C-alpha atoms as a PDB file:
ATOM      1  CA  MET A   1      -5.138   7.753 -23.033  1.00  0.00           C
ATOM      2  CA  GLU A   2      -8.216   6.132 -21.759  1.00  0.00           C
ATOM      3  CA  ARG A   3      -8.506   3.978 -24.944  1.00  0.00           C
ATOM      4  CA  GLN A   4      -5.045   2.650 -24.543  1.00  0.00           C
ATOM      5  CA  ILE A   5      -5.533   1.754 -20.858  1.00  0.00           C
ATOM      6  CA  TYR A   6      -8.578  -0.013 -21.716  1.00  0.00           C
ATOM      7  CA  GLU A   7      -6.778  -1.859 -24.641  1.00  0.00           C
ATOM      8  CA  VAL A   8      -3.927  -2.839 -22.164  1.00  0.00           C
ATOM      9  CA  PHE A   9      -6.425  -4.147 -19.459  1.00  0.00           C
ATOM     10  CA  ALA A  10      -8.615  -5.971 -22.139  1.00  0.00           C
ATOM     11  CA  ARG A  11      -6.045  -7.351 -24.310  1.00  0.00           C
ATOM     12  CA  CYS A  12      -3.369  -8.149 -21.857  1.00  0.00           C
ATOM     13  CA  PRO A  13      -4.267  -8.496 -18.154  1.00  0.00           C
ATOM     14  CA  GLY A  14      -1.763 -10.786 -17.335  1.00  0.00           C
ATOM     15  CA  GLN A  15       1.079  -8.382 -18.603  1.00  0.00           C
ATOM     16  CA  ALA A  16      -0.941  -5.314 -16.753  1.00  0.00           C
ATOM     17  CA  LEU A  17      -0.858  -7.313 -13.440  1.00  0.00           C
ATOM     18  CA  ALA A  18       2.922  -8.285 -14.035  1.00  0.00           C
ATOM     19  CA  ALA A  19       3.754  -4.424 -14.454  1.00  0.00           C
ATOM     20  CA  PHE A  20       1.684  -3.573 -11.538  1.00  0.00           C
ATOM     21  CA  LEU A  21       3.604  -5.901  -9.540  1.00  0.00           C
ATOM     22  CA  LEU A  22       6.854  -4.966 -10.639  1.00  0.00           C
ATOM     23  CA  GLN A  23       6.019  -1.314  -9.894  1.00  0.00           C
ATOM     24  CA  LEU A  24       5.100  -2.637  -6.140  1.00  0.00           C
ATOM     25  CA  VAL A  25       8.509  -4.297  -5.833  1.00  0.00           C
ATOM     26  CA  THR A  26      10.276  -1.085  -6.891  1.00  0.00           C
ATOM     27  CA  VAL A  27       8.600   0.999  -4.656  1.00  0.00           C
ATOM     28  CA  PHE A  28       9.196  -1.442  -1.837  1.00  0.00           C
ATOM     29  CA  LEU A  29      12.934  -1.602  -2.520  1.00  0.00           C
ATOM     30  CA  ASN A  30      13.088   2.169  -2.653  1.00  0.00           C
ATOM     31  CA  TYR A  31      11.482   1.931   0.892  1.00  0.00           C
ATOM     32  CA  ILE A  32      13.989  -0.146   2.421  1.00  0.00           C
ATOM     33  CA  ARG A  33      17.105   1.021   0.626  1.00  0.00           C
ATOM     34  CA  PRO A  34      18.248   3.201   3.517  1.00  0.00           C
ATOM     35  CA  GLN A  35      17.774   0.189   5.916  1.00  0.00           C
ATOM     36  CA  VAL A  36      20.005  -1.997   3.631  1.00  0.00           C
ATOM     37  CA  PHE A  37      22.566   0.644   3.473  1.00  0.00           C
ATOM     38  CA  PHE A  38      22.954   1.605   6.976  1.00  0.00           C
ATOM     39  CA  TYR A  39      22.254  -2.069   8.250  1.00  0.00           C
ATOM     40  CA  PHE A  40      25.450  -3.077   6.494  1.00  0.00           C
ATOM     41  CA  THR A  41      27.380   0.288   7.105  1.00  0.00           C
ATOM     42  CA  ARG A  42      26.468   0.979  10.599  1.00  0.00           C
ATOM     43  CA  GLN A  43      24.437  -2.044  11.794  1.00  0.00           C
ATOM     44  CA  ALA A  44      21.594   0.633  12.269  1.00  0.00           C
ATOM     45  CA  LEU A  45      17.919  -0.869  12.333  1.00  0.00           C
ATOM     46  CA  PHE A  46      15.113   1.460  11.489  1.00  0.00           C
ATOM     47  CA  THR A  47      11.581   1.127  12.663  1.00  0.00           C
ATOM     48  CA  PHE A  48       8.675   1.424  10.599  1.00  0.00           C
ATOM     49  CA  PRO A  49       7.714   4.737  11.448  1.00  0.00           C
ATOM     50  CA  GLN A  50      11.492   5.883  10.826  1.00  0.00           C
ATOM     51  CA  LEU A  51      11.520   4.259   7.387  1.00  0.00           C
ATOM     52  CA  SER A  52       8.057   5.828   6.574  1.00  0.00           C
ATOM     53  CA  LEU A  53       9.300   9.217   7.660  1.00  0.00           C
ATOM     54  CA  PHE A  54      12.381   9.125   5.346  1.00  0.00           C
ATOM     55  CA  PHE A  55      10.169   7.900   2.513  1.00  0.00           C
ATOM     56  CA  THR A  56       7.753  10.346   2.719  1.00  0.00           C
ATOM     57  CA  LEU A  57      10.128  13.181   3.239  1.00  0.00           C
ATOM     58  CA  ASN A  58      12.339  12.080   0.531  1.00  0.00           C
ATOM     59  CA  ALA A  59       9.352  11.858  -1.787  1.00  0.00           C
ATOM     60  CA  PHE A  60       8.713  15.538  -0.427  1.00  0.00           C
ATOM     61  CA  ILE A  61      11.986  16.839  -1.303  1.00  0.00           C
ATOM     62  CA  GLY A  62      12.114  15.314  -4.481  1.00  0.00           C
ATOM     63  CA  ALA A  63       9.151  17.672  -5.530  1.00  0.00           C
ATOM     64  CA  PHE A  64      11.503  20.536  -5.246  1.00  0.00           C
ATOM     65  CA  LEU A  65      14.431  19.027  -7.543  1.00  0.00           C
ATOM     66  CA  TRP A  66      13.445  21.127 -10.569  1.00  0.00           C
ATOM     67  CA  VAL A  67      14.544  24.199  -8.499  1.00  0.00           C
ATOM     68  CA  THR A  68      18.381  23.187  -9.246  1.00  0.00           C
ATOM     69  CA  PRO A  69      20.071  21.129 -12.040  1.00  0.00           C
ATOM     70  CA  GLY A  70      19.773  17.578 -11.127  1.00  0.00           C
ATOM     71  CA  GLY A  71      18.674  18.658  -7.559  1.00  0.00           C
ATOM     72  CA  LEU A  72      22.388  18.889  -6.729  1.00  0.00           C
ATOM     73  CA  GLY A  73      22.792  20.054  -3.080  1.00  0.00           C
ATOM     74  CA  LEU A  74      19.178  20.654  -2.387  1.00  0.00           C
ATOM     75  CA  ALA A  75      18.515  16.912  -2.690  1.00  0.00           C
ATOM     76  CA  ASP A  76      21.728  15.987  -0.800  1.00  0.00           C
ATOM     77  CA  GLY A  77      21.237  18.384   1.988  1.00  0.00           C
ATOM     78  CA  GLY A  78      17.760  17.319   2.413  1.00  0.00           C
ATOM     79  CA  ARG A  79      18.230  13.660   2.923  1.00  0.00           C
ATOM     80  CA  ALA A  80      21.111  14.368   5.203  1.00  0.00           C
ATOM     81  CA  GLY A  81      18.727  16.538   7.333  1.00  0.00           C
ATOM     82  CA  VAL A  82      16.151  13.613   7.228  1.00  0.00           C
ATOM     83  CA  PHE A  83      18.800  11.238   8.308  1.00  0.00           C
ATOM     84  CA  LYS A  84      19.906  13.643  11.195  1.00  0.00           C
ATOM     85  CA  LEU A  85      16.545  13.415  12.263  1.00  0.00           C
ATOM     86  CA  LEU A  86      16.760   9.711  12.460  1.00  0.00           C
ATOM     87  CA  GLY A  87      19.869   9.782  14.359  1.00  0.00           C
ATOM     88  CA  ILE A  88      22.336   9.145  11.653  1.00  0.00           C
ATOM     89  CA  PRO A  89      25.564  11.107  11.468  1.00  0.00           C
ATOM     90  CA  VAL A  90      25.699  13.674   8.429  1.00  0.00           C
ATOM     91  CA  ALA A  91      29.197  11.888   7.007  1.00  0.00           C
ATOM     92  CA  SER A  92      27.238   8.554   6.871  1.00  0.00           C
ATOM     93  CA  ALA A  93      24.047  10.387   5.344  1.00  0.00           C
ATOM     94  CA  PHE A  94      26.443  11.886   2.668  1.00  0.00           C
ATOM     95  CA  ALA A  95      27.947   8.451   1.995  1.00  0.00           C
ATOM     96  CA  TYR A  96      24.536   7.152   1.377  1.00  0.00           C
ATOM     97  CA  ASN A  97      23.831  10.134  -1.029  1.00  0.00           C
ATOM     98  CA  LEU A  98      26.956   9.484  -2.892  1.00  0.00           C
ATOM     99  CA  LEU A  99      26.275   5.894  -3.517  1.00  0.00           C
ATOM    100  CA  PHE A 100      22.520   6.837  -4.220  1.00  0.00           C
ATOM    101  CA  ARG A 101      23.957   9.215  -7.054  1.00  0.00           C
ATOM    102  CA  PHE A 102      26.318   6.679  -8.293  1.00  0.00           C
ATOM    103  CA  VAL A 103      23.357   4.335  -8.924  1.00  0.00           C
ATOM    104  CA  GLU A 104      21.248   6.741 -10.348  1.00  0.00           C
ATOM    105  CA  PHE A 105      24.196   7.512 -12.754  1.00  0.00           C
ATOM    106  CA  LEU A 106      24.564   3.892 -13.753  1.00  0.00           C
ATOM    107  CA  GLN A 107      20.786   3.689 -14.369  1.00  0.00           C
ATOM    108  CA  VAL A 108      20.908   6.938 -16.633  1.00  0.00           C
ATOM    109  CA  ALA A 109      24.060   5.580 -18.642  1.00  0.00           C
ATOM    110  CA  LEU A 110      22.110   2.348 -19.284  1.00  0.00           C
ATOM    111  CA  GLY A 111      18.809   4.176 -20.360  1.00  0.00           C
ATOM    112  CA  LEU A 112      20.982   6.426 -22.873  1.00  0.00           C
ATOM    113  CA  TYR A 113      22.727   3.302 -24.010  1.00  0.00           C
ATOM    114  CA  LEU A 114      19.428   1.561 -24.837  1.00  0.00           C
ATOM    115  CA  LEU A 115      17.961   4.733 -26.319  1.00  0.00           C
ATOM    116  CA  MET A 116      21.017   5.084 -28.699  1.00  0.00           C
ATOM    117  CA  ARG A 117      20.897   1.439 -29.525  1.00  0.00           C
ATOM    118  CA  GLN A 118      17.295   0.758 -29.887  1.00  0.00           C
ATOM    119  CA  GLY A 119      16.163   4.315 -31.355  1.00  0.00           C
ATOM    120  CA  LEU A 120      18.533   7.025 -32.307  1.00  0.00           C
ATOM    121  CA  LEU A 121      21.151   4.839 -34.202  1.00  0.00           C
ATOM    122  CA  ARG A 122      18.208   3.490 -36.432  1.00  0.00           C
ATOM    123  CA  TRP A 123      17.658   6.850 -37.746  1.00  0.00           C
ATOM    124  CA  ARG A 124      20.816   6.757 -39.713  1.00  0.00           C
ATOM    125  CA  THR A 125      19.244   3.797 -41.769  1.00  0.00           C
ATOM    126  CA  GLY A 126      16.007   5.875 -42.544  1.00  0.00           C
ATOM    127  CA  ARG A 127      12.693   6.325 -40.947  1.00  0.00           C
ATOM    128  CA  LEU A 128      11.628   4.567 -37.998  1.00  0.00           C
ATOM    129  CA  GLU A 129       8.498   2.471 -38.317  1.00  0.00           C
ATOM    130  CA  VAL A 130       6.578   1.178 -35.424  1.00  0.00           C
ATOM    131  CA  PRO A 131       3.991  -1.555 -36.438  1.00  0.00           C
ATOM    132  CA  VAL A 132       0.384  -0.611 -35.167  1.00  0.00           C
ATOM    133  CA  GLU A 133      -2.464  -3.213 -34.873  1.00  0.00           C
ATOM    134  CA  ARG A 134      -5.694  -1.780 -35.146  1.00  0.00           C
ATOM    135  CA  ARG A 135      -8.721  -3.554 -33.513  1.00  0.00           C
ATOM    136  CA  GLU A 136     -12.258  -2.143 -33.157  1.00  0.00           C
ATOM    137  CA  LEU A 137     -13.192  -1.817 -29.580  1.00  0.00           C
ATOM    138  CA  PRO A 138     -16.573  -3.358 -28.455  1.00  0.00           C
ATOM    139  CA  LYS A 139     -19.210  -0.685 -27.339  1.00  0.00           C
END
């Protein structure tokens, strides 16, 4: 694993930086997601500490998703409780959860489609081959 990481940073530093920046953007969008939803639905503006509280507690709740299949009930109730702490009615919190689940469903469906298209369906024609370029690493 360390060798692969070294190869990525040594051979493709621009691509590694691009991947890192893309990861930062996705974390930021995840951070502001409740702000965008509740601004357009309730004209509610959260403060930085409120968004940070939601982000942190949502990550904490996410650590317990393995307890139930898909985290159903546990994640939804946990997020609703966090929004209740922030002064958002439970009905609005569940609307957020419903939209959140729907977007997750679309992401999973897209991923399964790409998996089927790029990987699993190629097994019908024979063995998958992945070209690997071997280079000697400097010592």
